[in-house]
Amino acid sequence: MEMKKLKISHLQRLQMQRVRLQAESDARLEILDGHWEYLRDNFGSLMMGSASTAVRSNFPPAIRRFIPSFGKKDENPPSGKPAPSGSVAGSLLDMALEVVPFVFKGARPAVAVFVLKKIKDFLFKQK
């Protein structure tokens, strides 16, 4: 006796596909919910860790020499200049000169907003 093949209509095929996709979607949503819960519970420590890593990696070489977590004081820092010969004033001046570009980079948006606001106030005076 020959076995009959079950014919599935297009509607039934689409309904089965919808059920399968819904199950996959639910599984992915559970995974995402777990990730969001982890992020929500550990937000502070994750942000502090990221911020400290970013700050530490962007420190100029002169500052890196004075941070204990970077190990011993380099005799020849990455900038290629020899280390200061124990002079506190020389170390502070060197450190200040290497920090200036970072200060300007951070202050640039605030200065731009201030200048644009002054220009707008000058051009469009309110009476």
PDB file of N, CA and C in Angstrom:
ATOM      1  N   MET A   1       0.830  -1.169   0.000  1.00  0.00           N
ATOM      2  CA  MET A   1       0.000   0.000   0.000  1.00  0.00           C
ATOM      3  C   MET A   1       0.885   1.246   0.000  1.00  0.00           C
ATOM      4  N   GLU A   2       0.492   2.169  -0.749  1.00  0.00           N
ATOM      5  CA  GLU A   2       1.244   3.399  -0.904  1.00  0.00           C
ATOM      6  C   GLU A   2       0.848   4.398   0.184  1.00  0.00           C
ATOM      7  N   MET A   3       1.885   5.064   0.726  1.00  0.00           N
ATOM      8  CA  MET A   3       1.588   6.063   1.756  1.00  0.00           C
ATOM      9  C   MET A   3       1.261   7.394   1.082  1.00  0.00           C
ATOM     10  N   LYS A   4       0.256   8.012   1.578  1.00  0.00           N
ATOM     11  CA  LYS A   4      -0.123   9.317   1.040  1.00  0.00           C
ATOM     12  C   LYS A   4       0.757  10.389   1.661  1.00  0.00           C
ATOM     13  N   LYS A   5       1.190  11.301   0.836  1.00  0.00           N
ATOM     14  CA  LYS A   5       1.919  12.457   1.347  1.00  0.00           C
ATOM     15  C   LYS A   5       0.910  13.482   1.845  1.00  0.00           C
ATOM     16  N   LEU A   6       1.220  14.010   2.996  1.00  0.00           N
ATOM     17  CA  LEU A   6       0.344  15.050   3.522  1.00  0.00           C
ATOM     18  C   LEU A   6       0.661  16.350   2.817  1.00  0.00           C
ATOM     19  N   LYS A   7      -0.336  16.902   2.233  1.00  0.00           N
ATOM     20  CA  LYS A   7      -0.145  18.187   1.572  1.00  0.00           C
ATOM     21  C   LYS A   7      -0.501  19.284   2.556  1.00  0.00           C
ATOM     22  N   ILE A   8       0.407  20.206   2.654  1.00  0.00           N
ATOM     23  CA  ILE A   8       0.198  21.339   3.557  1.00  0.00           C
ATOM     24  C   ILE A   8      -0.154  22.542   2.702  1.00  0.00           C
ATOM     25  N   SER A   9      -1.198  23.192   3.053  1.00  0.00           N
ATOM     26  CA  SER A   9      -1.606  24.377   2.292  1.00  0.00           C
ATOM     27  C   SER A   9      -0.647  25.532   2.606  1.00  0.00           C
ATOM     28  N   HIS A  10      -0.694  26.519   1.748  1.00  0.00           N
ATOM     29  CA  HIS A  10       0.160  27.702   1.949  1.00  0.00           C
ATOM     30  C   HIS A  10      -0.173  28.395   3.263  1.00  0.00           C
ATOM     31  N   LEU A  11      -1.435  28.438   3.592  1.00  0.00           N
ATOM     32  CA  LEU A  11      -1.849  29.070   4.837  1.00  0.00           C
ATOM     33  C   LEU A  11      -1.289  28.325   6.044  1.00  0.00           C
ATOM     34  N   GLN A  12      -1.371  26.988   6.014  1.00  0.00           N
ATOM     35  CA  GLN A  12      -0.821  26.201   7.110  1.00  0.00           C
ATOM     36  C   GLN A  12       0.695  26.366   7.203  1.00  0.00           C
ATOM     37  N   ARG A  13       1.378  26.416   6.056  1.00  0.00           N
ATOM     38  CA  ARG A  13       2.828  26.607   6.037  1.00  0.00           C
ATOM     39  C   ARG A  13       3.184  27.958   6.660  1.00  0.00           C
ATOM     40  N   LEU A  14       2.439  28.992   6.294  1.00  0.00           N
ATOM     41  CA  LEU A  14       2.696  30.325   6.858  1.00  0.00           C
ATOM     42  C   LEU A  14       2.399  30.367   8.357  1.00  0.00           C
ATOM     43  N   GLN A  15       1.363  29.675   8.783  1.00  0.00           N
ATOM     44  CA  GLN A  15       1.049  29.639  10.211  1.00  0.00           C
ATOM     45  C   GLN A  15       2.148  28.917  10.997  1.00  0.00           C
ATOM     46  N   MET A  16       2.661  27.812  10.441  1.00  0.00           N
ATOM     47  CA  MET A  16       3.755  27.086  11.111  1.00  0.00           C
ATOM     48  C   MET A  16       5.019  27.953  11.174  1.00  0.00           C
ATOM     49  N   GLN A  17       5.282  28.664  10.077  1.00  0.00           N
ATOM     50  CA  GLN A  17       6.450  29.548  10.052  1.00  0.00           C
ATOM     51  C   GLN A  17       6.289  30.675  11.071  1.00  0.00           C
ATOM     52  N   ARG A  18       5.060  31.203  11.177  1.00  0.00           N
ATOM     53  CA  ARG A  18       4.804  32.258  12.157  1.00  0.00           C
ATOM     54  C   ARG A  18       5.033  31.760  13.579  1.00  0.00           C
ATOM     55  N   VAL A  19       4.580  30.560  13.891  1.00  0.00           N
ATOM     56  CA  VAL A  19       4.774  29.987  15.224  1.00  0.00           C
ATOM     57  C   VAL A  19       6.257  29.785  15.508  1.00  0.00           C
ATOM     58  N   ARG A  20       6.999  29.272  14.501  1.00  0.00           N
ATOM     59  CA  ARG A  20       8.442  29.060  14.677  1.00  0.00           C
ATOM     60  C   ARG A  20       9.170  30.389  14.897  1.00  0.00           C
ATOM     61  N   LEU A  21       8.832  31.389  14.079  1.00  0.00           N
ATOM     62  CA  LEU A  21       9.478  32.700  14.223  1.00  0.00           C
ATOM     63  C   LEU A  21       9.123  33.359  15.550  1.00  0.00           C
ATOM     64  N   GLN A  22       7.885  33.166  16.002  1.00  0.00           N
ATOM     65  CA  GLN A  22       7.481  33.729  17.296  1.00  0.00           C
ATOM     66  C   GLN A  22       8.274  33.097  18.425  1.00  0.00           C
ATOM     67  N   ALA A  23       8.500  31.766  18.352  1.00  0.00           N
ATOM     68  CA  ALA A  23       9.288  31.081  19.375  1.00  0.00           C
ATOM     69  C   ALA A  23      10.735  31.578  19.367  1.00  0.00           C
ATOM     70  N   GLU A  24      11.309  31.762  18.163  1.00  0.00           N
ATOM     71  CA  GLU A  24      12.672  32.294  18.069  1.00  0.00           C
ATOM     72  C   GLU A  24      12.740  33.708  18.637  1.00  0.00           C
ATOM     73  N   SER A  25      11.732  34.502  18.317  1.00  0.00           N
ATOM     74  CA  SER A  25      11.689  35.878  18.815  1.00  0.00           C
ATOM     75  C   SER A  25      11.605  35.908  20.335  1.00  0.00           C
ATOM     76  N   ASP A  26      10.766  35.046  20.895  1.00  0.00           N
ATOM     77  CA  ASP A  26      10.647  34.989  22.357  1.00  0.00           C
ATOM     78  C   ASP A  26      11.964  34.588  23.012  1.00  0.00           C
ATOM     79  N   ALA A  27      12.666  33.623  22.394  1.00  0.00           N
ATOM     80  CA  ALA A  27      13.954  33.191  22.948  1.00  0.00           C
ATOM     81  C   ALA A  27      14.962  34.336  22.907  1.00  0.00           C
ATOM     82  N   ARG A  28      14.987  35.056  21.797  1.00  0.00           N
ATOM     83  CA  ARG A  28      15.927  36.189  21.681  1.00  0.00           C
ATOM     84  C   ARG A  28      15.563  37.305  22.660  1.00  0.00           C
ATOM     85  N   LEU A  29      14.261  37.534  22.856  1.00  0.00           N
ATOM     86  CA  LEU A  29      13.837  38.558  23.814  1.00  0.00           C
ATOM     87  C   LEU A  29      14.243  38.193  25.238  1.00  0.00           C
ATOM     88  N   GLU A  30      14.183  36.924  25.586  1.00  0.00           N
ATOM     89  CA  GLU A  30      14.636  36.492  26.912  1.00  0.00           C
ATOM     90  C   GLU A  30      16.123  36.765  27.086  1.00  0.00           C
ATOM     91  N   ILE A  31      16.898  36.478  26.040  1.00  0.00           N
ATOM     92  CA  ILE A  31      18.340  36.739  26.101  1.00  0.00           C
ATOM     93  C   ILE A  31      18.594  38.233  26.265  1.00  0.00           C
ATOM     94  N   LEU A  32      17.895  39.056  25.465  1.00  0.00           N
ATOM     95  CA  LEU A  32      18.065  40.512  25.571  1.00  0.00           C
ATOM     96  C   LEU A  32      17.638  41.027  26.935  1.00  0.00           C
ATOM     97  N   ASP A  33      16.556  40.490  27.472  1.00  0.00           N
ATOM     98  CA  ASP A  33      16.118  40.900  28.808  1.00  0.00           C
ATOM     99  C   ASP A  33      17.188  40.587  29.847  1.00  0.00           C
ATOM    100  N   GLY A  34      17.831  39.437  29.698  1.00  0.00           N
ATOM    101  CA  GLY A  34      18.925  39.084  30.609  1.00  0.00           C
ATOM    102  C   GLY A  34      20.081  40.058  30.497  1.00  0.00           C
ATOM    103  N   HIS A  35      20.414  40.446  29.249  1.00  0.00           N
ATOM    104  CA  HIS A  35      21.497  41.417  29.051  1.00  0.00           C
ATOM    105  C   HIS A  35      21.134  42.774  29.656  1.00  0.00           C
ATOM    106  N   TRP A  36      19.882  43.225  29.426  1.00  0.00           N
ATOM    107  CA  TRP A  36      19.464  44.514  29.971  1.00  0.00           C
ATOM    108  C   TRP A  36      19.468  44.500  31.498  1.00  0.00           C
ATOM    109  N   GLU A  37      19.040  43.387  32.066  1.00  0.00           N
ATOM    110  CA  GLU A  37      19.030  43.279  33.520  1.00  0.00           C
ATOM    111  C   GLU A  37      20.447  43.350  34.075  1.00  0.00           C
ATOM    112  N   TYR A  38      21.374  42.663  33.393  1.00  0.00           N
ATOM    113  CA  TYR A  38      22.773  42.713  33.822  1.00  0.00           C
ATOM    114  C   TYR A  38      23.311  44.137  33.722  1.00  0.00           C
ATOM    115  N   LEU A  39      23.034  44.806  32.602  1.00  0.00           N
ATOM    116  CA  LEU A  39      23.501  46.185  32.436  1.00  0.00           C
ATOM    117  C   LEU A  39      22.891  47.107  33.486  1.00  0.00           C
ATOM    118  N   ARG A  40      21.602  46.934  33.755  1.00  0.00           N
ATOM    119  CA  ARG A  40      20.930  47.775  34.750  1.00  0.00           C
ATOM    120  C   ARG A  40      21.516  47.546  36.147  1.00  0.00           C
ATOM    121  N   ASP A  41      21.782  46.295  36.478  1.00  0.00           N
ATOM    122  CA  ASP A  41      22.308  45.982  37.810  1.00  0.00           C
ATOM    123  C   ASP A  41      23.759  46.413  37.991  1.00  0.00           C
ATOM    124  N   ASN A  42      24.540  46.424  36.914  1.00  0.00           N
ATOM    125  CA  ASN A  42      25.969  46.706  37.024  1.00  0.00           C
ATOM    126  C   ASN A  42      26.375  47.976  36.302  1.00  0.00           C
ATOM    127  N   PHE A  43      25.432  48.876  36.071  1.00  0.00           N
ATOM    128  CA  PHE A  43      25.711  50.085  35.305  1.00  0.00           C
ATOM    129  C   PHE A  43      26.847  50.917  35.904  1.00  0.00           C
ATOM    130  N   GLY A  44      26.769  51.159  37.197  1.00  0.00           N
ATOM    131  CA  GLY A  44      27.784  52.008  37.841  1.00  0.00           C
ATOM    132  C   GLY A  44      29.174  51.439  37.711  1.00  0.00           C
ATOM    133  N   SER A  45      29.356  50.166  38.018  1.00  0.00           N
ATOM    134  CA  SER A  45      30.693  49.581  37.954  1.00  0.00           C
ATOM    135  C   SER A  45      31.192  49.490  36.518  1.00  0.00           C
ATOM    136  N   LEU A  46      30.283  49.219  35.564  1.00  0.00           N
ATOM    137  CA  LEU A  46      30.704  49.166  34.160  1.00  0.00           C
ATOM    138  C   LEU A  46      31.147  50.538  33.667  1.00  0.00           C
ATOM    139  N   MET A  47      30.400  51.577  34.020  1.00  0.00           N
ATOM    140  CA  MET A  47      30.767  52.930  33.585  1.00  0.00           C
ATOM    141  C   MET A  47      32.065  53.398  34.223  1.00  0.00           C
ATOM    142  N   MET A  48      32.234  53.109  35.510  1.00  0.00           N
ATOM    143  CA  MET A  48      33.473  53.513  36.174  1.00  0.00           C
ATOM    144  C   MET A  48      34.667  52.780  35.578  1.00  0.00           C
ATOM    145  N   GLY A  49      34.506  51.491  35.301  1.00  0.00           N
ATOM    146  CA  GLY A  49      35.596  50.730  34.696  1.00  0.00           C
ATOM    147  C   GLY A  49      35.943  51.249  33.315  1.00  0.00           C
ATOM    148  N   SER A  50      34.929  51.547  32.513  1.00  0.00           N
ATOM    149  CA  SER A  50      35.163  52.071  31.166  1.00  0.00           C
ATOM    150  C   SER A  50      35.794  53.457  31.219  1.00  0.00           C
ATOM    151  N   ALA A  51      35.287  54.292  32.102  1.00  0.00           N
ATOM    152  CA  ALA A  51      35.824  55.649  32.204  1.00  0.00           C
ATOM    153  C   ALA A  51      37.269  55.631  32.682  1.00  0.00           C
ATOM    154  N   SER A  52      37.566  54.815  33.685  1.00  0.00           N
ATOM    155  CA  SER A  52      38.941  54.800  34.184  1.00  0.00           C
ATOM    156  C   SER A  52      39.891  54.235  33.139  1.00  0.00           C
ATOM    157  N   THR A  53      39.453  53.243  32.368  1.00  0.00           N
ATOM    158  CA  THR A  53      40.307  52.703  31.309  1.00  0.00           C
ATOM    159  C   THR A  53      40.530  53.745  30.222  1.00  0.00           C
ATOM    160  N   ALA A  54      39.478  54.456  29.837  1.00  0.00           N
ATOM    161  CA  ALA A  54      39.609  55.475  28.797  1.00  0.00           C
ATOM    162  C   ALA A  54      40.518  56.611  29.255  1.00  0.00           C
ATOM    163  N   VAL A  55      40.339  57.041  30.490  1.00  0.00           N
ATOM    164  CA  VAL A  55      41.167  58.136  30.997  1.00  0.00           C
ATOM    165  C   VAL A  55      42.615  57.695  31.101  1.00  0.00           C
ATOM    166  N   ARG A  56      42.816  56.492  31.636  1.00  0.00           N
ATOM    167  CA  ARG A  56      44.183  56.006  31.800  1.00  0.00           C
ATOM    168  C   ARG A  56      44.885  55.830  30.466  1.00  0.00           C
ATOM    169  N   SER A  57      44.177  55.380  29.440  1.00  0.00           N
ATOM    170  CA  SER A  57      44.820  55.154  28.148  1.00  0.00           C
ATOM    171  C   SER A  57      45.095  56.465  27.424  1.00  0.00           C
ATOM    172  N   ASN A  58      44.374  57.547  27.768  1.00  0.00           N
ATOM    173  CA  ASN A  58      44.575  58.828  27.101  1.00  0.00           C
ATOM    174  C   ASN A  58      45.476  59.782  27.873  1.00  0.00           C
ATOM    175  N   PHE A  59      46.002  59.343  29.027  1.00  0.00           N
ATOM    176  CA  PHE A  59      46.901  60.211  29.777  1.00  0.00           C
ATOM    177  C   PHE A  59      48.177  60.465  28.981  1.00  0.00           C
ATOM    178  N   PRO A  60      48.662  61.677  29.022  1.00  0.00           N
ATOM    179  CA  PRO A  60      49.943  61.950  28.397  1.00  0.00           C
ATOM    180  C   PRO A  60      51.049  61.174  29.121  1.00  0.00           C
ATOM    181  N   PRO A  61      52.153  60.898  28.433  1.00  0.00           N
ATOM    182  CA  PRO A  61      53.243  60.127  29.044  1.00  0.00           C
ATOM    183  C   PRO A  61      53.795  60.735  30.331  1.00  0.00           C
ATOM    184  N   ALA A  62      53.790  62.057  30.452  1.00  0.00           N
ATOM    185  CA  ALA A  62      54.335  62.675  31.656  1.00  0.00           C
ATOM    186  C   ALA A  62      53.498  62.327  32.878  1.00  0.00           C
ATOM    187  N   ILE A  63      52.177  62.196  32.697  1.00  0.00           N
ATOM    188  CA  ILE A  63      51.311  61.857  33.822  1.00  0.00           C
ATOM    189  C   ILE A  63      51.409  60.364  34.121  1.00  0.00           C
ATOM    190  N   ARG A  64      51.555  59.556  33.078  1.00  0.00           N
ATOM    191  CA  ARG A  64      51.637  58.109  33.271  1.00  0.00           C
ATOM    192  C   ARG A  64      52.776  57.711  34.197  1.00  0.00           C
ATOM    193  N   ARG A  65      53.846  58.478  34.171  1.00  0.00           N
ATOM    194  CA  ARG A  65      55.002  58.132  35.009  1.00  0.00           C
ATOM    195  C   ARG A  65      54.689  58.252  36.490  1.00  0.00           C
ATOM    196  N   PHE A  66      53.691  59.063  36.847  1.00  0.00           N
ATOM    197  CA  PHE A  66      53.391  59.305  38.253  1.00  0.00           C
ATOM    198  C   PHE A  66      52.234  58.456  38.767  1.00  0.00           C
ATOM    199  N   ILE A  67      51.650  57.622  37.903  1.00  0.00           N
ATOM    200  CA  ILE A  67      50.531  56.776  38.311  1.00  0.00           C
ATOM    201  C   ILE A  67      51.079  55.396  38.643  1.00  0.00           C
ATOM    202  N   PRO A  68      50.870  54.904  39.865  1.00  0.00           N
ATOM    203  CA  PRO A  68      51.446  53.627  40.283  1.00  0.00           C
ATOM    204  C   PRO A  68      51.007  52.439  39.437  1.00  0.00           C
ATOM    205  N   SER A  69      49.805  52.469  38.897  1.00  0.00           N
ATOM    206  CA  SER A  69      49.323  51.307  38.151  1.00  0.00           C
ATOM    207  C   SER A  69      50.050  51.116  36.827  1.00  0.00           C
ATOM    208  N   PHE A  70      50.811  52.096  36.407  1.00  0.00           N
ATOM    209  CA  PHE A  70      51.560  51.945  35.174  1.00  0.00           C
ATOM    210  C   PHE A  70      52.953  51.374  35.410  1.00  0.00           C
ATOM    211  N   GLY A  71      53.239  50.956  36.614  1.00  0.00           N
ATOM    212  CA  GLY A  71      54.537  50.332  36.884  1.00  0.00           C
ATOM    213  C   GLY A  71      55.593  51.352  37.258  1.00  0.00           C
ATOM    214  N   LYS A  72      56.847  50.943  37.081  1.00  0.00           N
ATOM    215  CA  LYS A  72      57.952  51.816  37.470  1.00  0.00           C
ATOM    216  C   LYS A  72      58.039  53.034  36.561  1.00  0.00           C
ATOM    217  N   LYS A  73      58.695  54.062  37.070  1.00  0.00           N
ATOM    218  CA  LYS A  73      58.902  55.281  36.320  1.00  0.00           C
ATOM    219  C   LYS A  73      59.814  54.981  35.135  1.00  0.00           C
ATOM    220  N   ASP A  74      59.366  55.342  33.916  1.00  0.00           N
ATOM    221  CA  ASP A  74      60.166  55.076  32.723  1.00  0.00           C
ATOM    222  C   ASP A  74      61.388  55.974  32.699  1.00  0.00           C
ATOM    223  N   GLU A  75      62.496  55.371  32.292  1.00  0.00           N
ATOM    224  CA  GLU A  75      63.692  56.188  32.114  1.00  0.00           C
ATOM    225  C   GLU A  75      63.583  56.982  30.820  1.00  0.00           C
ATOM    226  N   ASN A  76      63.040  56.377  29.778  1.00  0.00           N
ATOM    227  CA  ASN A  76      62.789  57.055  28.508  1.00  0.00           C
ATOM    228  C   ASN A  76      61.304  56.925  28.183  1.00  0.00           C
ATOM    229  N   PRO A  77      60.529  57.955  28.459  1.00  0.00           N
ATOM    230  CA  PRO A  77      59.094  57.877  28.220  1.00  0.00           C
ATOM    231  C   PRO A  77      58.797  57.720  26.724  1.00  0.00           C
ATOM    232  N   PRO A  78      57.577  57.329  26.357  1.00  0.00           N
ATOM    233  CA  PRO A  78      57.231  57.102  24.963  1.00  0.00           C
ATOM    234  C   PRO A  78      57.426  58.303  24.055  1.00  0.00           C
ATOM    235  N   SER A  79      57.429  59.518  24.600  1.00  0.00           N
ATOM    236  CA  SER A  79      57.605  60.700  23.758  1.00  0.00           C
ATOM    237  C   SER A  79      59.019  60.806  23.209  1.00  0.00           C
ATOM    238  N   GLY A  80      59.950  60.001  23.720  1.00  0.00           N
ATOM    239  CA  GLY A  80      61.323  60.011  23.230  1.00  0.00           C
ATOM    240  C   GLY A  80      62.220  60.962  23.995  1.00  0.00           C
ATOM    241  N   LYS A  81      61.631  61.834  24.818  1.00  0.00           N
ATOM    242  CA  LYS A  81      62.432  62.768  25.606  1.00  0.00           C
ATOM    243  C   LYS A  81      62.931  62.047  26.847  1.00  0.00           C
ATOM    244  N   PRO A  82      64.117  62.356  27.298  1.00  0.00           N
ATOM    245  CA  PRO A  82      64.584  61.736  28.535  1.00  0.00           C
ATOM    246  C   PRO A  82      63.767  62.216  29.729  1.00  0.00           C
ATOM    247  N   ALA A  83      63.673  61.392  30.735  1.00  0.00           N
ATOM    248  CA  ALA A  83      62.913  61.739  31.936  1.00  0.00           C
ATOM    249  C   ALA A  83      63.583  62.911  32.642  1.00  0.00           C
ATOM    250  N   PRO A  84      62.796  63.774  33.295  1.00  0.00           N
ATOM    251  CA  PRO A  84      63.388  64.898  34.014  1.00  0.00           C
ATOM    252  C   PRO A  84      64.336  64.396  35.105  1.00  0.00           C
ATOM    253  N   SER A  85      65.323  65.190  35.362  1.00  0.00           N
ATOM    254  CA  SER A  85      66.369  64.752  36.290  1.00  0.00           C
ATOM    255  C   SER A  85      66.009  65.065  37.734  1.00  0.00           C
ATOM    256  N   GLY A  86      64.828  64.691  38.175  1.00  0.00           N
ATOM    257  CA  GLY A  86      64.464  64.843  39.568  1.00  0.00           C
ATOM    258  C   GLY A  86      63.935  66.221  39.926  1.00  0.00           C
ATOM    259  N   SER A  87      63.893  67.143  39.013  1.00  0.00           N
ATOM    260  CA  SER A  87      63.422  68.483  39.290  1.00  0.00           C
ATOM    261  C   SER A  87      61.890  68.480  39.325  1.00  0.00           C
ATOM    262  N   VAL A  88      61.332  68.883  40.446  1.00  0.00           N
ATOM    263  CA  VAL A  88      59.879  68.917  40.577  1.00  0.00           C
ATOM    264  C   VAL A  88      59.294  69.942  39.623  1.00  0.00           C
ATOM    265  N   ALA A  89      59.916  71.111  39.510  1.00  0.00           N
ATOM    266  CA  ALA A  89      59.418  72.151  38.612  1.00  0.00           C
ATOM    267  C   ALA A  89      59.464  71.667  37.168  1.00  0.00           C
ATOM    268  N   GLY A  90      60.533  70.978  36.807  1.00  0.00           N
ATOM    269  CA  GLY A  90      60.647  70.442  35.449  1.00  0.00           C
ATOM    270  C   GLY A  90      59.590  69.394  35.177  1.00  0.00           C
ATOM    271  N   SER A  91      59.310  68.555  36.162  1.00  0.00           N
ATOM    272  CA  SER A  91      58.292  67.516  35.995  1.00  0.00           C
ATOM    273  C   SER A  91      56.905  68.141  35.845  1.00  0.00           C
ATOM    274  N   LEU A  92      56.613  69.133  36.680  1.00  0.00           N
ATOM    275  CA  LEU A  92      55.310  69.782  36.610  1.00  0.00           C
ATOM    276  C   LEU A  92      55.134  70.550  35.306  1.00  0.00           C
ATOM    277  N   LEU A  93      56.191  71.218  34.854  1.00  0.00           N
ATOM    278  CA  LEU A  93      56.117  71.956  33.596  1.00  0.00           C
ATOM    279  C   LEU A  93      55.916  70.991  32.435  1.00  0.00           C
ATOM    280  N   ASP A  94      56.673  69.903  32.444  1.00  0.00           N
ATOM    281  CA  ASP A  94      56.541  68.892  31.393  1.00  0.00           C
ATOM    282  C   ASP A  94      55.131  68.321  31.384  1.00  0.00           C
ATOM    283  N   MET A  95      54.604  68.016  32.560  1.00  0.00           N
ATOM    284  CA  MET A  95      53.265  67.462  32.676  1.00  0.00           C
ATOM    285  C   MET A  95      52.234  68.485  32.194  1.00  0.00           C
ATOM    286  N   ALA A  96      52.379  69.736  32.571  1.00  0.00           N
ATOM    287  CA  ALA A  96      51.430  70.777  32.172  1.00  0.00           C
ATOM    288  C   ALA A  96      51.432  70.969  30.654  1.00  0.00           C
ATOM    289  N   LEU A  97      52.617  70.944  30.041  1.00  0.00           N
ATOM    290  CA  LEU A  97      52.698  71.123  28.595  1.00  0.00           C
ATOM    291  C   LEU A  97      52.058  69.959  27.842  1.00  0.00           C
ATOM    292  N   GLU A  98      52.092  68.779  28.410  1.00  0.00           N
ATOM    293  CA  GLU A  98      51.486  67.639  27.731  1.00  0.00           C
ATOM    294  C   GLU A  98      49.988  67.555  27.983  1.00  0.00           C
ATOM    295  N   VAL A  99      49.482  68.207  29.011  1.00  0.00           N
ATOM    296  CA  VAL A  99      48.048  68.174  29.311  1.00  0.00           C
ATOM    297  C   VAL A  99      47.299  69.260  28.533  1.00  0.00           C
ATOM    298  N   VAL A 100      47.972  70.319  28.139  1.00  0.00           N
ATOM    299  CA  VAL A 100      47.323  71.454  27.476  1.00  0.00           C
ATOM    300  C   VAL A 100      46.502  71.029  26.263  1.00  0.00           C
ATOM    301  N   PRO A 101      46.995  70.173  25.350  1.00  0.00           N
ATOM    302  CA  PRO A 101      46.148  69.791  24.204  1.00  0.00           C
ATOM    303  C   PRO A 101      44.851  69.108  24.622  1.00  0.00           C
ATOM    304  N   PHE A 102      44.877  68.306  25.683  1.00  0.00           N
ATOM    305  CA  PHE A 102      43.667  67.644  26.146  1.00  0.00           C
ATOM    306  C   PHE A 102      42.685  68.651  26.726  1.00  0.00           C
ATOM    307  N   VAL A 103      43.184  69.672  27.402  1.00  0.00           N
ATOM    308  CA  VAL A 103      42.316  70.709  27.965  1.00  0.00           C
ATOM    309  C   VAL A 103      41.651  71.481  26.834  1.00  0.00           C
ATOM    310  N   PHE A 104      42.427  71.844  25.808  1.00  0.00           N
ATOM    311  CA  PHE A 104      41.844  72.565  24.676  1.00  0.00           C
ATOM    312  C   PHE A 104      40.821  71.706  23.954  1.00  0.00           C
ATOM    313  N   LYS A 105      41.092  70.428  23.798  1.00  0.00           N
ATOM    314  CA  LYS A 105      40.154  69.538  23.117  1.00  0.00           C
ATOM    315  C   LYS A 105      38.851  69.432  23.908  1.00  0.00           C
ATOM    316  N   GLY A 106      38.942  69.425  25.222  1.00  0.00           N
ATOM    317  CA  GLY A 106      37.741  69.344  26.052  1.00  0.00           C
ATOM    318  C   GLY A 106      36.982  70.648  26.127  1.00  0.00           C
ATOM    319  N   ALA A 107      37.691  71.771  26.062  1.00  0.00           N
ATOM    320  CA  ALA A 107      37.052  73.078  26.210  1.00  0.00           C
ATOM    321  C   ALA A 107      36.514  73.625  24.885  1.00  0.00           C
ATOM    322  N   ARG A 108      36.943  73.067  23.780  1.00  0.00           N
ATOM    323  CA  ARG A 108      36.556  73.588  22.470  1.00  0.00           C
ATOM    324  C   ARG A 108      35.027  73.653  22.281  1.00  0.00           C
ATOM    325  N   PRO A 109      34.244  72.631  22.617  1.00  0.00           N
ATOM    326  CA  PRO A 109      32.788  72.735  22.427  1.00  0.00           C
ATOM    327  C   PRO A 109      32.152  73.827  23.283  1.00  0.00           C
ATOM    328  N   ALA A 110      32.600  73.971  24.508  1.00  0.00           N
ATOM    329  CA  ALA A 110      32.038  74.995  25.381  1.00  0.00           C
ATOM    330  C   ALA A 110      32.350  76.395  24.857  1.00  0.00           C
ATOM    331  N   VAL A 111      33.559  76.588  24.377  1.00  0.00           N
ATOM    332  CA  VAL A 111      33.940  77.890  23.828  1.00  0.00           C
ATOM    333  C   VAL A 111      33.137  78.178  22.563  1.00  0.00           C
ATOM    334  N   ALA A 112      32.940  77.158  21.723  1.00  0.00           N
ATOM    335  CA  ALA A 112      32.174  77.359  20.491  1.00  0.00           C
ATOM    336  C   ALA A 112      30.739  77.762  20.802  1.00  0.00           C
ATOM    337  N   VAL A 113      30.112  77.114  21.769  1.00  0.00           N
ATOM    338  CA  VAL A 113      28.740  77.459  22.148  1.00  0.00           C
ATOM    339  C   VAL A 113      28.691  78.886  22.685  1.00  0.00           C
ATOM    340  N   PHE A 114      29.651  79.261  23.515  1.00  0.00           N
ATOM    341  CA  PHE A 114      29.692  80.606  24.083  1.00  0.00           C
ATOM    342  C   PHE A 114      29.835  81.660  22.984  1.00  0.00           C
ATOM    343  N   VAL A 115      30.755  81.427  22.046  1.00  0.00           N
ATOM    344  CA  VAL A 115      30.994  82.390  20.968  1.00  0.00           C
ATOM    345  C   VAL A 115      29.765  82.491  20.069  1.00  0.00           C
ATOM    346  N   LEU A 116      29.174  81.364  19.705  1.00  0.00           N
ATOM    347  CA  LEU A 116      27.987  81.401  18.853  1.00  0.00           C
ATOM    348  C   LEU A 116      26.819  82.110  19.532  1.00  0.00           C
ATOM    349  N   LYS A 117      26.669  81.924  20.836  1.00  0.00           N
ATOM    350  CA  LYS A 117      25.604  82.601  21.569  1.00  0.00           C
ATOM    351  C   LYS A 117      25.838  84.114  21.564  1.00  0.00           C
ATOM    352  N   LYS A 118      27.091  84.543  21.750  1.00  0.00           N
ATOM    353  CA  LYS A 118      27.403  85.972  21.733  1.00  0.00           C
ATOM    354  C   LYS A 118      27.161  86.573  20.354  1.00  0.00           C
ATOM    355  N   ILE A 119      27.528  85.842  19.293  1.00  0.00           N
ATOM    356  CA  ILE A 119      27.308  86.333  17.930  1.00  0.00           C
ATOM    357  C   ILE A 119      25.807  86.466  17.663  1.00  0.00           C
ATOM    358  N   LYS A 120      25.031  85.443  18.076  1.00  0.00           N
ATOM    359  CA  LYS A 120      23.588  85.486  17.882  1.00  0.00           C
ATOM    360  C   LYS A 120      22.974  86.668  18.641  1.00  0.00           C
ATOM    361  N   ASP A 121      23.421  86.881  19.880  1.00  0.00           N
ATOM    362  CA  ASP A 121      22.905  88.003  20.669  1.00  0.00           C
ATOM    363  C   ASP A 121      23.259  89.334  20.023  1.00  0.00           C
ATOM    364  N   PHE A 122      24.459  89.421  19.427  1.00  0.00           N
ATOM    365  CA  PHE A 122      24.907  90.661  18.804  1.00  0.00           C
ATOM    366  C   PHE A 122      24.102  90.930  17.529  1.00  0.00           C
ATOM    367  N   LEU A 123      23.891  89.878  16.713  1.00  0.00           N
ATOM    368  CA  LEU A 123      23.201  90.070  15.437  1.00  0.00           C
ATOM    369  C   LEU A 123      21.696  90.250  15.596  1.00  0.00           C
ATOM    370  N   PHE A 124      21.105  89.543  16.536  1.00  0.00           N
ATOM    371  CA  PHE A 124      19.657  89.576  16.709  1.00  0.00           C
ATOM    372  C   PHE A 124      19.311  90.122  18.080  1.00  0.00           C
ATOM    373  N   LYS A 125      19.609  91.388  18.282  1.00  0.00           N
ATOM    374  CA  LYS A 125      19.342  92.023  19.570  1.00  0.00           C
ATOM    375  C   LYS A 125      17.848  92.065  19.833  1.00  0.00           C
ATOM    376  N   GLN A 126      17.473  91.640  21.030  1.00  0.00           N
ATOM    377  CA  GLN A 126      16.067  91.680  21.437  1.00  0.00           C
ATOM    378  C   GLN A 126      15.788  93.031  22.075  1.00  0.00           C
ATOM    379  N   LYS A 127      14.723  93.685  21.651  1.00  0.00           N
ATOM    380  CA  LYS A 127      14.409  95.015  22.190  1.00  0.00           C
ATOM    381  C   LYS A 127      13.306  94.948  23.171  1.00  0.00           C
TER     382      LYS A 127
END
